[in-house]
Amino acid sequence: MVLQTEIKVSVIILTYNHEKYIKKAIESVLMQKTTFDYEVIIADDFSTDRTKEIIQDILTNNHESKVSIRYIRNEKNLGVMASWINAYSQVNGKYIAICEGDDFWTIDSKLQKQFEVLDSHPQFSICFHNVNVEYVDINEKNYILNENIEKDIFTIDDLIGEEEIWFMATASLMIRHESLKSIPNWILKSKSGDIPIIMLAARNGHIKYLPDLMATYQKHSRGMSMTDHKNDAIFLKNRIYMYKMLNLETKFQYNYRFKQILSGYYYLMLDSKQLQNKYISQFIVALKYFYYSYPKIKNIKVVIKNHIIPPVILEFSRLIKRKTGIIPTFDKNTL
């Protein structure tokens, strides 16, 4: 009789059209040296490039590894969160680590170090570490994400400010499985995966930071972080939806701070490409901006003169100026 060993850590590798990067990502996961058994779940969201062939080649030649590997290829493109939840539903580990297909881990003791922290400290629901941020095909300077971080233990309170806070790369996360007892259905609509997952887990425990550089977060022109545009109303509406739902999930305990975050996204939406030359739409968004900003309303004069005063009034004021030389008090340029 063969006794089955207990899987301690489940590693989810999320991939979509990562033919340039997926081999390095998988190999960095398989190189881990641990005192425990871990499994790898590769979730391929119906890649249309050579990602599938590269993964299958690795699986075919992976004779020496004792790590259990499962390859899940969606029958159609579901989106990052649907793909993640599908993989998450199949994990067996006490802890979950994540590596997106265009990132990679840089040392072979990453899983062991994070496992030891979580396994010996039940008060922690998340362990994360420092990472290198590397630009691949973009002319930007590489940097260390948490070079100036000031402490090593965080709570959910540290994750919610009056503006969006992000300092945990997905490739650095290890999450206690039981801290994500249930994933709400609304998360399927969220374009961001790491922000809501981290907040949901942080409701059930503290967060431990390790200063070790143990992964590289690669930014490239086709990556999600580079295709999220703050002048795109679709992206902005999705962020607004996500933060409204997180406000609900946290039972409005941080309502004021969430409202300030929401007001910032409504302010950006005023200048989104979809709302250009659409006065009624801008007016409605401006009112929402005022509502969520209250009582600390910023940029009030800018919003009034650019998005509240009707264009016909502005045109009328310019006509009066041309005819009389008198500038009415409601002229856009005098507010």
C-alpha atoms as a PDB file:
ATOM      1  CA  MET A   1       0.000   0.000   0.000  1.00  0.00           C
ATOM      2  CA  VAL A   2       1.408   3.402  -1.034  1.00  0.00           C
ATOM      3  CA  LEU A   3       0.758   6.189   1.433  1.00  0.00           C
ATOM      4  CA  GLN A   4      -0.103   9.493  -0.186  1.00  0.00           C
ATOM      5  CA  THR A   5       1.826  12.421   1.225  1.00  0.00           C
ATOM      6  CA  GLU A   6       0.050  15.625   2.163  1.00  0.00           C
ATOM      7  CA  ILE A   7       0.420  18.532  -0.260  1.00  0.00           C
ATOM      8  CA  LYS A   8       1.530  21.540   1.749  1.00  0.00           C
ATOM      9  CA  VAL A   9       1.701  24.184  -0.997  1.00  0.00           C
ATOM     10  CA  SER A  10      -0.219  24.567  -4.246  1.00  0.00           C
ATOM     11  CA  VAL A  11       1.449  26.766  -6.854  1.00  0.00           C
ATOM     12  CA  ILE A  12      -0.840  28.331  -9.446  1.00  0.00           C
ATOM     13  CA  ILE A  13       0.815  29.488 -12.668  1.00  0.00           C
ATOM     14  CA  LEU A  14      -1.515  31.764 -14.623  1.00  0.00           C
ATOM     15  CA  THR A  15      -0.707  32.130 -18.297  1.00  0.00           C
ATOM     16  CA  TYR A  16      -2.103  33.600 -21.473  1.00  0.00           C
ATOM     17  CA  ASN A  17       0.011  34.120 -24.600  1.00  0.00           C
ATOM     18  CA  HIS A  18       3.280  33.978 -22.673  1.00  0.00           C
ATOM     19  CA  GLU A  19       5.370  32.037 -25.193  1.00  0.00           C
ATOM     20  CA  LYS A  20       8.387  34.300 -24.534  1.00  0.00           C
ATOM     21  CA  TYR A  21       8.266  33.814 -20.783  1.00  0.00           C
ATOM     22  CA  ILE A  22       6.395  30.673 -19.726  1.00  0.00           C
ATOM     23  CA  LYS A  23       9.352  28.256 -19.865  1.00  0.00           C
ATOM     24  CA  LYS A  24      11.371  30.347 -17.420  1.00  0.00           C
ATOM     25  CA  ALA A  25       8.355  30.761 -15.128  1.00  0.00           C
ATOM     26  CA  ILE A  26       7.678  27.019 -14.930  1.00  0.00           C
ATOM     27  CA  GLU A  27      11.334  26.106 -14.495  1.00  0.00           C
ATOM     28  CA  SER A  28      11.676  28.622 -11.649  1.00  0.00           C
ATOM     29  CA  VAL A  29       8.790  26.895  -9.858  1.00  0.00           C
ATOM     30  CA  LEU A  30      10.085  23.373 -10.465  1.00  0.00           C
ATOM     31  CA  MET A  31      13.574  24.240  -9.186  1.00  0.00           C
ATOM     32  CA  GLN A  32      12.263  24.795  -5.647  1.00  0.00           C
ATOM     33  CA  LYS A  33      13.951  22.760  -2.902  1.00  0.00           C
ATOM     34  CA  THR A  34      11.551  21.961  -0.108  1.00  0.00           C
ATOM     35  CA  THR A  35      11.156  19.631   2.847  1.00  0.00           C
ATOM     36  CA  PHE A  36       7.505  19.185   1.920  1.00  0.00           C
ATOM     37  CA  ASP A  37       5.488  18.150  -1.106  1.00  0.00           C
ATOM     38  CA  TYR A  38       4.005  20.798  -3.356  1.00  0.00           C
ATOM     39  CA  GLU A  39       1.892  20.695  -6.482  1.00  0.00           C
ATOM     40  CA  VAL A  40       1.815  22.914  -9.563  1.00  0.00           C
ATOM     41  CA  ILE A  41      -1.355  23.861 -11.394  1.00  0.00           C
ATOM     42  CA  ILE A  42      -0.766  25.555 -14.754  1.00  0.00           C
ATOM     43  CA  ALA A  43      -3.866  27.481 -15.819  1.00  0.00           C
ATOM     44  CA  ASP A  44      -3.720  28.363 -19.524  1.00  0.00           C
ATOM     45  CA  ASP A  45      -6.500  30.757 -20.515  1.00  0.00           C
ATOM     46  CA  PHE A  46      -6.735  29.453 -24.115  1.00  0.00           C
ATOM     47  CA  SER A  47      -3.445  30.905 -25.370  1.00  0.00           C
ATOM     48  CA  THR A  48      -3.298  31.394 -29.134  1.00  0.00           C
ATOM     49  CA  ASP A  49       0.501  31.533 -29.456  1.00  0.00           C
ATOM     50  CA  ARG A  50       3.019  28.735 -28.722  1.00  0.00           C
ATOM     51  CA  THR A  51       2.378  28.713 -24.964  1.00  0.00           C
ATOM     52  CA  LYS A  52       0.498  25.412 -25.129  1.00  0.00           C
ATOM     53  CA  GLU A  53       3.266  23.657 -27.089  1.00  0.00           C
ATOM     54  CA  ILE A  54       5.966  24.924 -24.723  1.00  0.00           C
ATOM     55  CA  ILE A  55       4.051  23.724 -21.665  1.00  0.00           C
ATOM     56  CA  GLN A  56       3.393  20.306 -23.181  1.00  0.00           C
ATOM     57  CA  ASP A  57       7.063  19.947 -24.079  1.00  0.00           C
ATOM     58  CA  ILE A  58       8.051  20.674 -20.460  1.00  0.00           C
ATOM     59  CA  LEU A  59       5.516  18.153 -19.175  1.00  0.00           C
ATOM     60  CA  THR A  60       6.726  15.499 -21.607  1.00  0.00           C
ATOM     61  CA  ASN A  61      10.340  15.902 -20.542  1.00  0.00           C
ATOM     62  CA  ASN A  62       9.695  16.374 -16.834  1.00  0.00           C
ATOM     63  CA  HIS A  63      10.697  12.824 -15.870  1.00  0.00           C
ATOM     64  CA  GLU A  64      12.995  13.586 -12.945  1.00  0.00           C
ATOM     65  CA  SER A  65      10.751  15.956 -11.023  1.00  0.00           C
ATOM     66  CA  LYS A  66       8.653  14.465  -8.223  1.00  0.00           C
ATOM     67  CA  VAL A  67       6.380  17.487  -8.214  1.00  0.00           C
ATOM     68  CA  SER A  68       2.781  16.847  -9.209  1.00  0.00           C
ATOM     69  CA  ILE A  69       1.910  19.012 -12.242  1.00  0.00           C
ATOM     70  CA  ARG A  70      -1.547  19.539 -13.670  1.00  0.00           C
ATOM     71  CA  TYR A  71      -2.138  21.442 -16.870  1.00  0.00           C
ATOM     72  CA  ILE A  72      -5.549  23.075 -17.218  1.00  0.00           C
ATOM     73  CA  ARG A  73      -6.281  24.625 -20.599  1.00  0.00           C
ATOM     74  CA  ASN A  74      -9.541  26.521 -20.842  1.00  0.00           C
ATOM     75  CA  GLU A  75     -11.713  25.688 -23.846  1.00  0.00           C
ATOM     76  CA  LYS A  76     -12.083  29.412 -24.496  1.00  0.00           C
ATOM     77  CA  ASN A  77     -10.612  32.614 -23.115  1.00  0.00           C
ATOM     78  CA  LEU A  78     -12.328  33.231 -19.773  1.00  0.00           C
ATOM     79  CA  GLY A  79     -10.364  36.169 -18.417  1.00  0.00           C
ATOM     80  CA  VAL A  80      -7.753  36.217 -15.703  1.00  0.00           C
ATOM     81  CA  MET A  81     -10.039  35.959 -12.673  1.00  0.00           C
ATOM     82  CA  ALA A  82     -12.240  33.186 -14.065  1.00  0.00           C
ATOM     83  CA  SER A  83      -9.095  31.260 -14.962  1.00  0.00           C
ATOM     84  CA  TRP A  84      -7.650  31.840 -11.485  1.00  0.00           C
ATOM     85  CA  ILE A  85     -10.827  30.732  -9.711  1.00  0.00           C
ATOM     86  CA  ASN A  86     -11.009  27.605 -11.868  1.00  0.00           C
ATOM     87  CA  ALA A  87      -7.452  26.702 -10.823  1.00  0.00           C
ATOM     88  CA  TYR A  88      -8.084  27.728  -7.199  1.00  0.00           C
ATOM     89  CA  SER A  89     -11.035  25.340  -6.963  1.00  0.00           C
ATOM     90  CA  GLN A  90      -8.651  22.442  -7.597  1.00  0.00           C
ATOM     91  CA  VAL A  91      -5.846  23.194  -5.131  1.00  0.00           C
ATOM     92  CA  ASN A  92      -5.037  20.699  -2.394  1.00  0.00           C
ATOM     93  CA  GLY A  93      -2.426  22.645  -0.455  1.00  0.00           C
ATOM     94  CA  LYS A  94      -2.602  24.306   2.926  1.00  0.00           C
ATOM     95  CA  TYR A  95      -0.969  27.331   1.333  1.00  0.00           C
ATOM     96  CA  ILE A  96      -1.223  28.864  -2.138  1.00  0.00           C
ATOM     97  CA  ALA A  97       1.587  30.544  -4.086  1.00  0.00           C
ATOM     98  CA  ILE A  98       1.068  32.320  -7.390  1.00  0.00           C
ATOM     99  CA  CYS A  99       3.378  32.948 -10.332  1.00  0.00           C
ATOM    100  CA  GLU A 100       2.040  34.586 -13.464  1.00  0.00           C
ATOM    101  CA  GLY A 101       3.408  33.180 -16.697  1.00  0.00           C
ATOM    102  CA  ASP A 102       5.477  36.256 -17.502  1.00  0.00           C
ATOM    103  CA  ASP A 103       7.179  36.432 -14.091  1.00  0.00           C
ATOM    104  CA  PHE A 104       9.677  34.066 -12.465  1.00  0.00           C
ATOM    105  CA  TRP A 105      11.148  33.140  -9.100  1.00  0.00           C
ATOM    106  CA  THR A 106      14.863  33.740  -8.614  1.00  0.00           C
ATOM    107  CA  ILE A 107      15.959  31.514  -5.722  1.00  0.00           C
ATOM    108  CA  ASP A 108      15.243  27.847  -4.998  1.00  0.00           C
ATOM    109  CA  SER A 109      14.338  28.385  -1.331  1.00  0.00           C
ATOM    110  CA  LYS A 110      11.437  30.793  -1.873  1.00  0.00           C
ATOM    111  CA  LEU A 111       8.660  28.312  -1.117  1.00  0.00           C
ATOM    112  CA  GLN A 112      10.515  26.871   1.876  1.00  0.00           C
ATOM    113  CA  LYS A 113      11.065  30.274   3.490  1.00  0.00           C
ATOM    114  CA  GLN A 114       7.471  31.385   3.097  1.00  0.00           C
ATOM    115  CA  PHE A 115       6.108  28.015   4.178  1.00  0.00           C
ATOM    116  CA  GLU A 116       8.122  28.141   7.406  1.00  0.00           C
ATOM    117  CA  VAL A 117       6.777  31.613   8.210  1.00  0.00           C
ATOM    118  CA  LEU A 118       3.122  30.730   7.691  1.00  0.00           C
ATOM    119  CA  ASP A 119       3.335  27.274   9.221  1.00  0.00           C
ATOM    120  CA  SER A 120       4.864  28.567  12.437  1.00  0.00           C
ATOM    121  CA  HIS A 121       2.763  31.738  12.734  1.00  0.00           C
ATOM    122  CA  PRO A 122      -0.974  31.005  12.479  1.00  0.00           C
ATOM    123  CA  GLN A 123      -1.767  34.701  12.932  1.00  0.00           C
ATOM    124  CA  PHE A 124      -0.470  35.406   9.418  1.00  0.00           C
ATOM    125  CA  SER A 125      -2.779  34.869   6.455  1.00  0.00           C
ATOM    126  CA  ILE A 126      -0.302  36.185   3.851  1.00  0.00           C
ATOM    127  CA  CYS A 127       3.457  36.170   3.423  1.00  0.00           C
ATOM    128  CA  PHE A 128       5.079  38.248   0.686  1.00  0.00           C
ATOM    129  CA  HIS A 129       8.613  39.249  -0.181  1.00  0.00           C
ATOM    130  CA  ASN A 130      10.577  41.827  -2.129  1.00  0.00           C
ATOM    131  CA  VAL A 131      10.896  41.572  -5.917  1.00  0.00           C
ATOM    132  CA  ASN A 132      12.842  43.057  -8.789  1.00  0.00           C
ATOM    133  CA  VAL A 133      10.693  44.981 -11.267  1.00  0.00           C
ATOM    134  CA  GLU A 134      12.170  44.512 -14.711  1.00  0.00           C
ATOM    135  CA  TYR A 135      11.087  46.234 -17.940  1.00  0.00           C
ATOM    136  CA  VAL A 136      11.433  43.900 -20.898  1.00  0.00           C
ATOM    137  CA  ASP A 137      10.574  45.835 -24.059  1.00  0.00           C
ATOM    138  CA  ILE A 138       9.898  49.220 -22.479  1.00  0.00           C
ATOM    139  CA  ASN A 139      12.427  51.985 -22.064  1.00  0.00           C
ATOM    140  CA  GLU A 140      12.094  52.380 -18.306  1.00  0.00           C
ATOM    141  CA  LYS A 141      14.551  51.895 -15.465  1.00  0.00           C
ATOM    142  CA  ASN A 142      14.351  48.643 -13.495  1.00  0.00           C
ATOM    143  CA  TYR A 143      13.867  48.985  -9.759  1.00  0.00           C
ATOM    144  CA  ILE A 144      13.338  47.117  -6.487  1.00  0.00           C
ATOM    145  CA  LEU A 145       9.660  47.249  -5.508  1.00  0.00           C
ATOM    146  CA  ASN A 146       9.963  47.598  -1.738  1.00  0.00           C
ATOM    147  CA  GLU A 147      13.331  49.277  -1.433  1.00  0.00           C
ATOM    148  CA  ASN A 148      12.124  51.748   1.217  1.00  0.00           C
ATOM    149  CA  ILE A 149       9.553  49.664   3.067  1.00  0.00           C
ATOM    150  CA  GLU A 150       9.453  50.618   6.743  1.00  0.00           C
ATOM    151  CA  LYS A 151       7.992  47.602   8.570  1.00  0.00           C
ATOM    152  CA  ASP A 152       7.511  43.873   8.188  1.00  0.00           C
ATOM    153  CA  ILE A 153       4.024  43.213   9.572  1.00  0.00           C
ATOM    154  CA  PHE A 154       0.896  44.675   7.975  1.00  0.00           C
ATOM    155  CA  THR A 155      -2.869  44.456   8.381  1.00  0.00           C
ATOM    156  CA  ILE A 156      -5.776  45.160   6.067  1.00  0.00           C
ATOM    157  CA  ASP A 157      -5.759  48.695   7.454  1.00  0.00           C
ATOM    158  CA  ASP A 158      -2.423  49.254   5.675  1.00  0.00           C
ATOM    159  CA  LEU A 159      -3.924  48.222   2.337  1.00  0.00           C
ATOM    160  CA  ILE A 160      -6.681  50.827   2.199  1.00  0.00           C
ATOM    161  CA  GLY A 161      -5.784  54.483   1.804  1.00  0.00           C
ATOM    162  CA  GLU A 162      -7.406  57.507   0.237  1.00  0.00           C
ATOM    163  CA  GLU A 163      -5.666  56.479  -2.980  1.00  0.00           C
ATOM    164  CA  GLU A 164      -4.994  53.004  -4.364  1.00  0.00           C
ATOM    165  CA  ILE A 165      -2.203  51.202  -2.483  1.00  0.00           C
ATOM    166  CA  TRP A 166      -0.132  48.453  -4.081  1.00  0.00           C
ATOM    167  CA  PHE A 167       3.163  47.064  -2.806  1.00  0.00           C
ATOM    168  CA  MET A 168       2.780  43.283  -3.116  1.00  0.00           C
ATOM    169  CA  ALA A 169       3.704  41.692  -6.439  1.00  0.00           C
ATOM    170  CA  THR A 170       1.661  38.627  -7.354  1.00  0.00           C
ATOM    171  CA  ALA A 171       4.822  36.536  -7.771  1.00  0.00           C
ATOM    172  CA  SER A 172       5.733  37.251  -4.136  1.00  0.00           C
ATOM    173  CA  LEU A 173       2.537  35.993  -2.524  1.00  0.00           C
ATOM    174  CA  MET A 174       1.897  32.933  -0.400  1.00  0.00           C
ATOM    175  CA  ILE A 175      -1.609  32.829   1.053  1.00  0.00           C
ATOM    176  CA  ARG A 176      -3.073  30.603   3.739  1.00  0.00           C
ATOM    177  CA  HIS A 177      -5.779  28.587   1.990  1.00  0.00           C
ATOM    178  CA  GLU A 178      -8.292  28.773   4.822  1.00  0.00           C
ATOM    179  CA  SER A 179      -8.114  32.590   4.830  1.00  0.00           C
ATOM    180  CA  LEU A 180      -9.906  32.480   1.465  1.00  0.00           C
ATOM    181  CA  LYS A 181     -12.813  30.403   2.676  1.00  0.00           C
ATOM    182  CA  SER A 182     -15.056  31.592  -0.111  1.00  0.00           C
ATOM    183  CA  ILE A 183     -14.450  33.707  -3.186  1.00  0.00           C
ATOM    184  CA  PRO A 184     -17.391  36.024  -3.990  1.00  0.00           C
ATOM    185  CA  ASN A 185     -18.836  35.770  -7.486  1.00  0.00           C
ATOM    186  CA  TRP A 186     -18.377  39.478  -8.172  1.00  0.00           C
ATOM    187  CA  ILE A 187     -14.624  38.975  -8.372  1.00  0.00           C
ATOM    188  CA  LEU A 188     -15.135  37.364 -11.783  1.00  0.00           C
ATOM    189  CA  LYS A 189     -15.905  40.835 -13.149  1.00  0.00           C
ATOM    190  CA  SER A 190     -12.798  42.422 -11.655  1.00  0.00           C
ATOM    191  CA  LYS A 191      -9.948  43.223 -14.023  1.00  0.00           C
ATOM    192  CA  SER A 192      -7.545  43.246 -11.083  1.00  0.00           C
ATOM    193  CA  GLY A 193      -6.917  39.938  -9.366  1.00  0.00           C
ATOM    194  CA  ASP A 194      -4.251  40.562  -6.761  1.00  0.00           C
ATOM    195  CA  ILE A 195      -5.854  43.567  -5.036  1.00  0.00           C
ATOM    196  CA  PRO A 196      -9.178  41.894  -4.114  1.00  0.00           C
ATOM    197  CA  ILE A 197      -7.591  38.513  -3.324  1.00  0.00           C
ATOM    198  CA  ILE A 198      -5.102  40.124  -0.935  1.00  0.00           C
ATOM    199  CA  MET A 199      -7.807  42.186   0.787  1.00  0.00           C
ATOM    200  CA  LEU A 200     -10.138  39.215   1.151  1.00  0.00           C
ATOM    201  CA  ALA A 201      -7.377  37.122   2.738  1.00  0.00           C
ATOM    202  CA  ALA A 202      -6.169  40.010   4.920  1.00  0.00           C
ATOM    203  CA  ARG A 203      -9.568  40.117   6.656  1.00  0.00           C
ATOM    204  CA  ASN A 204      -8.592  36.866   8.361  1.00  0.00           C
ATOM    205  CA  GLY A 205      -5.023  37.483   9.485  1.00  0.00           C
ATOM    206  CA  HIS A 206      -1.957  39.675   9.444  1.00  0.00           C
ATOM    207  CA  ILE A 207       0.557  39.971   6.605  1.00  0.00           C
ATOM    208  CA  LYS A 208       4.259  39.138   6.983  1.00  0.00           C
ATOM    209  CA  TYR A 209       6.907  40.733   4.778  1.00  0.00           C
ATOM    210  CA  LEU A 210      10.288  39.148   3.981  1.00  0.00           C
ATOM    211  CA  PRO A 211      12.964  41.510   2.607  1.00  0.00           C
ATOM    212  CA  ASP A 212      14.583  38.777   0.491  1.00  0.00           C
ATOM    213  CA  LEU A 213      14.573  39.369  -3.280  1.00  0.00           C
ATOM    214  CA  MET A 214      13.071  36.109  -4.481  1.00  0.00           C
ATOM    215  CA  ALA A 215      11.249  36.894  -7.735  1.00  0.00           C
ATOM    216  CA  THR A 216      11.240  39.124 -10.795  1.00  0.00           C
ATOM    217  CA  TYR A 217       8.089  40.916 -11.863  1.00  0.00           C
ATOM    218  CA  GLN A 218       8.413  41.550 -15.581  1.00  0.00           C
ATOM    219  CA  LYS A 219       6.662  44.501 -17.194  1.00  0.00           C
ATOM    220  CA  HIS A 220       6.231  44.390 -20.937  1.00  0.00           C
ATOM    221  CA  SER A 221       4.069  46.155 -23.494  1.00  0.00           C
ATOM    222  CA  ARG A 222       1.454  43.365 -23.599  1.00  0.00           C
ATOM    223  CA  GLY A 223       1.208  42.875 -19.841  1.00  0.00           C
ATOM    224  CA  MET A 224      -1.977  43.812 -17.990  1.00  0.00           C
ATOM    225  CA  SER A 225      -0.320  46.523 -15.918  1.00  0.00           C
ATOM    226  CA  MET A 226       0.788  48.274 -19.112  1.00  0.00           C
ATOM    227  CA  THR A 227      -2.580  47.993 -20.869  1.00  0.00           C
ATOM    228  CA  ASP A 228      -4.611  49.476 -18.016  1.00  0.00           C
ATOM    229  CA  HIS A 229      -5.172  53.042 -19.208  1.00  0.00           C
ATOM    230  CA  LYS A 230      -6.345  55.775 -16.886  1.00  0.00           C
ATOM    231  CA  ASN A 231      -7.993  57.564 -19.814  1.00  0.00           C
ATOM    232  CA  ASP A 232     -10.153  54.518 -20.572  1.00  0.00           C
ATOM    233  CA  ALA A 233     -13.637  54.659 -19.028  1.00  0.00           C
ATOM    234  CA  ILE A 234     -14.006  50.876 -19.271  1.00  0.00           C
ATOM    235  CA  PHE A 235     -10.937  50.310 -17.090  1.00  0.00           C
ATOM    236  CA  LEU A 236     -11.990  53.069 -14.677  1.00  0.00           C
ATOM    237  CA  LYS A 237     -15.549  51.706 -14.309  1.00  0.00           C
ATOM    238  CA  ASN A 238     -14.091  48.302 -13.521  1.00  0.00           C
ATOM    239  CA  ARG A 239     -11.891  49.747 -10.776  1.00  0.00           C
ATOM    240  CA  ILE A 240     -14.885  51.634  -9.363  1.00  0.00           C
ATOM    241  CA  TYR A 241     -16.927  48.438  -9.315  1.00  0.00           C
ATOM    242  CA  MET A 242     -14.109  46.531  -7.600  1.00  0.00           C
ATOM    243  CA  TYR A 243     -13.671  49.094  -4.819  1.00  0.00           C
ATOM    244  CA  LYS A 244     -17.428  49.388  -4.236  1.00  0.00           C
ATOM    245  CA  MET A 245     -17.564  45.632  -3.743  1.00  0.00           C
ATOM    246  CA  LEU A 246     -14.519  45.633  -1.451  1.00  0.00           C
ATOM    247  CA  ASN A 247     -16.197  48.347   0.604  1.00  0.00           C
ATOM    248  CA  LEU A 248     -19.183  46.034   0.930  1.00  0.00           C
ATOM    249  CA  GLU A 249     -16.981  43.011   1.761  1.00  0.00           C
ATOM    250  CA  THR A 250     -15.318  44.938   4.580  1.00  0.00           C
ATOM    251  CA  LYS A 251     -18.768  45.979   5.880  1.00  0.00           C
ATOM    252  CA  PHE A 252     -18.091  49.685   5.250  1.00  0.00           C
ATOM    253  CA  GLN A 253     -15.515  49.751   8.038  1.00  0.00           C
ATOM    254  CA  TYR A 254     -13.262  51.822   5.755  1.00  0.00           C
ATOM    255  CA  ASN A 255     -16.076  53.650   3.980  1.00  0.00           C
ATOM    256  CA  TYR A 256     -14.491  57.114   4.047  1.00  0.00           C
ATOM    257  CA  ARG A 257     -11.211  55.890   2.540  1.00  0.00           C
ATOM    258  CA  PHE A 258     -12.957  53.803  -0.103  1.00  0.00           C
ATOM    259  CA  LYS A 259     -15.070  56.824  -1.058  1.00  0.00           C
ATOM    260  CA  GLN A 260     -11.903  58.862  -1.566  1.00  0.00           C
ATOM    261  CA  ILE A 261     -10.484  56.139  -3.817  1.00  0.00           C
ATOM    262  CA  LEU A 262     -13.723  56.089  -5.798  1.00  0.00           C
ATOM    263  CA  SER A 263     -13.716  59.865  -6.163  1.00  0.00           C
ATOM    264  CA  GLY A 264     -10.231  59.679  -7.675  1.00  0.00           C
ATOM    265  CA  TYR A 265     -11.407  57.267 -10.347  1.00  0.00           C
ATOM    266  CA  TYR A 266     -14.490  59.376 -11.131  1.00  0.00           C
ATOM    267  CA  TYR A 267     -12.186  62.383 -11.512  1.00  0.00           C
ATOM    268  CA  LEU A 268     -10.053  60.483 -14.023  1.00  0.00           C
ATOM    269  CA  MET A 269     -13.181  59.387 -15.874  1.00  0.00           C
ATOM    270  CA  LEU A 270     -14.113  63.004 -16.573  1.00  0.00           C
ATOM    271  CA  ASP A 271     -11.229  63.153 -19.066  1.00  0.00           C
ATOM    272  CA  SER A 272     -11.595  59.632 -20.421  1.00  0.00           C
ATOM    273  CA  LYS A 273     -11.629  59.188 -24.179  1.00  0.00           C
ATOM    274  CA  GLN A 274     -15.176  57.814 -24.142  1.00  0.00           C
ATOM    275  CA  LEU A 275     -16.562  60.959 -22.481  1.00  0.00           C
ATOM    276  CA  GLN A 276     -14.914  63.514 -24.742  1.00  0.00           C
ATOM    277  CA  ASN A 277     -17.465  66.111 -25.956  1.00  0.00           C
ATOM    278  CA  LYS A 278     -20.288  64.383 -24.055  1.00  0.00           C
ATOM    279  CA  TYR A 279     -21.542  67.061 -21.678  1.00  0.00           C
ATOM    280  CA  ILE A 280     -24.394  65.084 -20.070  1.00  0.00           C
ATOM    281  CA  SER A 281     -22.164  62.101 -19.317  1.00  0.00           C
ATOM    282  CA  GLN A 282     -19.441  64.353 -17.903  1.00  0.00           C
ATOM    283  CA  PHE A 283     -22.007  66.227 -15.808  1.00  0.00           C
ATOM    284  CA  ILE A 284     -23.295  62.979 -14.248  1.00  0.00           C
ATOM    285  CA  VAL A 285     -19.770  61.765 -13.506  1.00  0.00           C
ATOM    286  CA  ALA A 286     -18.899  65.170 -12.017  1.00  0.00           C
ATOM    287  CA  LEU A 287     -21.829  64.891  -9.601  1.00  0.00           C
ATOM    288  CA  LYS A 288     -20.623  61.435  -8.559  1.00  0.00           C
ATOM    289  CA  TYR A 289     -17.140  62.872  -8.068  1.00  0.00           C
ATOM    290  CA  PHE A 290     -18.555  65.555  -5.753  1.00  0.00           C
ATOM    291  CA  TYR A 291     -20.592  62.951  -3.836  1.00  0.00           C
ATOM    292  CA  TYR A 292     -17.681  60.601  -3.186  1.00  0.00           C
ATOM    293  CA  SER A 293     -15.216  63.421  -2.477  1.00  0.00           C
ATOM    294  CA  TYR A 294     -17.399  65.132   0.117  1.00  0.00           C
ATOM    295  CA  PRO A 295     -16.498  66.728   2.469  1.00  0.00           C
ATOM    296  CA  LYS A 296     -12.916  66.975   1.162  1.00  0.00           C
ATOM    297  CA  ILE A 297     -13.616  68.033  -2.428  1.00  0.00           C
ATOM    298  CA  LYS A 298     -10.488  68.662  -4.461  1.00  0.00           C
ATOM    299  CA  ASN A 299     -10.273  70.344  -7.860  1.00  0.00           C
ATOM    300  CA  ILE A 300     -13.744  71.824  -7.444  1.00  0.00           C
ATOM    301  CA  LYS A 301     -13.089  74.874  -9.650  1.00  0.00           C
ATOM    302  CA  VAL A 302     -11.529  72.775 -12.387  1.00  0.00           C
ATOM    303  CA  VAL A 303     -14.468  70.376 -12.432  1.00  0.00           C
ATOM    304  CA  ILE A 304     -17.045  73.179 -12.462  1.00  0.00           C
ATOM    305  CA  LYS A 305     -15.500  75.132 -15.309  1.00  0.00           C
ATOM    306  CA  ASN A 306     -14.580  72.083 -17.416  1.00  0.00           C
ATOM    307  CA  HIS A 307     -17.496  69.742 -16.794  1.00  0.00           C
ATOM    308  CA  ILE A 308     -20.417  71.512 -15.073  1.00  0.00           C
ATOM    309  CA  ILE A 309     -20.931  74.771 -16.977  1.00  0.00           C
ATOM    310  CA  PRO A 310     -22.890  73.889 -20.144  1.00  0.00           C
ATOM    311  CA  PRO A 311     -21.036  74.427 -23.426  1.00  0.00           C
ATOM    312  CA  VAL A 312     -23.849  76.693 -24.661  1.00  0.00           C
ATOM    313  CA  ILE A 313     -23.247  79.048 -21.731  1.00  0.00           C
ATOM    314  CA  LEU A 314     -19.540  79.133 -22.475  1.00  0.00           C
ATOM    315  CA  GLU A 315     -20.219  79.815 -26.126  1.00  0.00           C
ATOM    316  CA  PHE A 316     -22.659  82.570 -25.181  1.00  0.00           C
ATOM    317  CA  SER A 317     -20.058  84.158 -22.892  1.00  0.00           C
ATOM    318  CA  ARG A 318     -17.488  84.124 -25.669  1.00  0.00           C
ATOM    319  CA  LEU A 319     -20.004  85.753 -28.018  1.00  0.00           C
ATOM    320  CA  ILE A 320     -20.669  88.542 -25.506  1.00  0.00           C
ATOM    321  CA  LYS A 321     -16.948  89.068 -25.080  1.00  0.00           C
ATOM    322  CA  ARG A 322     -16.433  89.383 -28.832  1.00  0.00           C
ATOM    323  CA  LYS A 323     -19.308  91.841 -29.160  1.00  0.00           C
ATOM    324  CA  THR A 324     -18.779  93.970 -26.045  1.00  0.00           C
ATOM    325  CA  GLY A 325     -15.337  93.221 -24.698  1.00  0.00           C
ATOM    326  CA  ILE A 326     -16.966  92.414 -21.350  1.00  0.00           C
ATOM    327  CA  ILE A 327     -16.126  89.059 -19.763  1.00  0.00           C
ATOM    328  CA  PRO A 328     -19.182  87.595 -17.981  1.00  0.00           C
ATOM    329  CA  THR A 329     -18.535  86.200 -14.490  1.00  0.00           C
ATOM    330  CA  PHE A 330     -19.508  82.716 -15.632  1.00  0.00           C
ATOM    331  CA  ASP A 331     -16.894  82.641 -18.390  1.00  0.00           C
ATOM    332  CA  LYS A 332     -14.949  79.373 -18.217  1.00  0.00           C
ATOM    333  CA  ASN A 333     -11.602  81.166 -18.186  1.00  0.00           C
ATOM    334  CA  THR A 334     -12.490  83.450 -15.275  1.00  0.00           C
ATOM    335  CA  LEU A 335     -13.627  80.867 -12.761  1.00  0.00           C
END
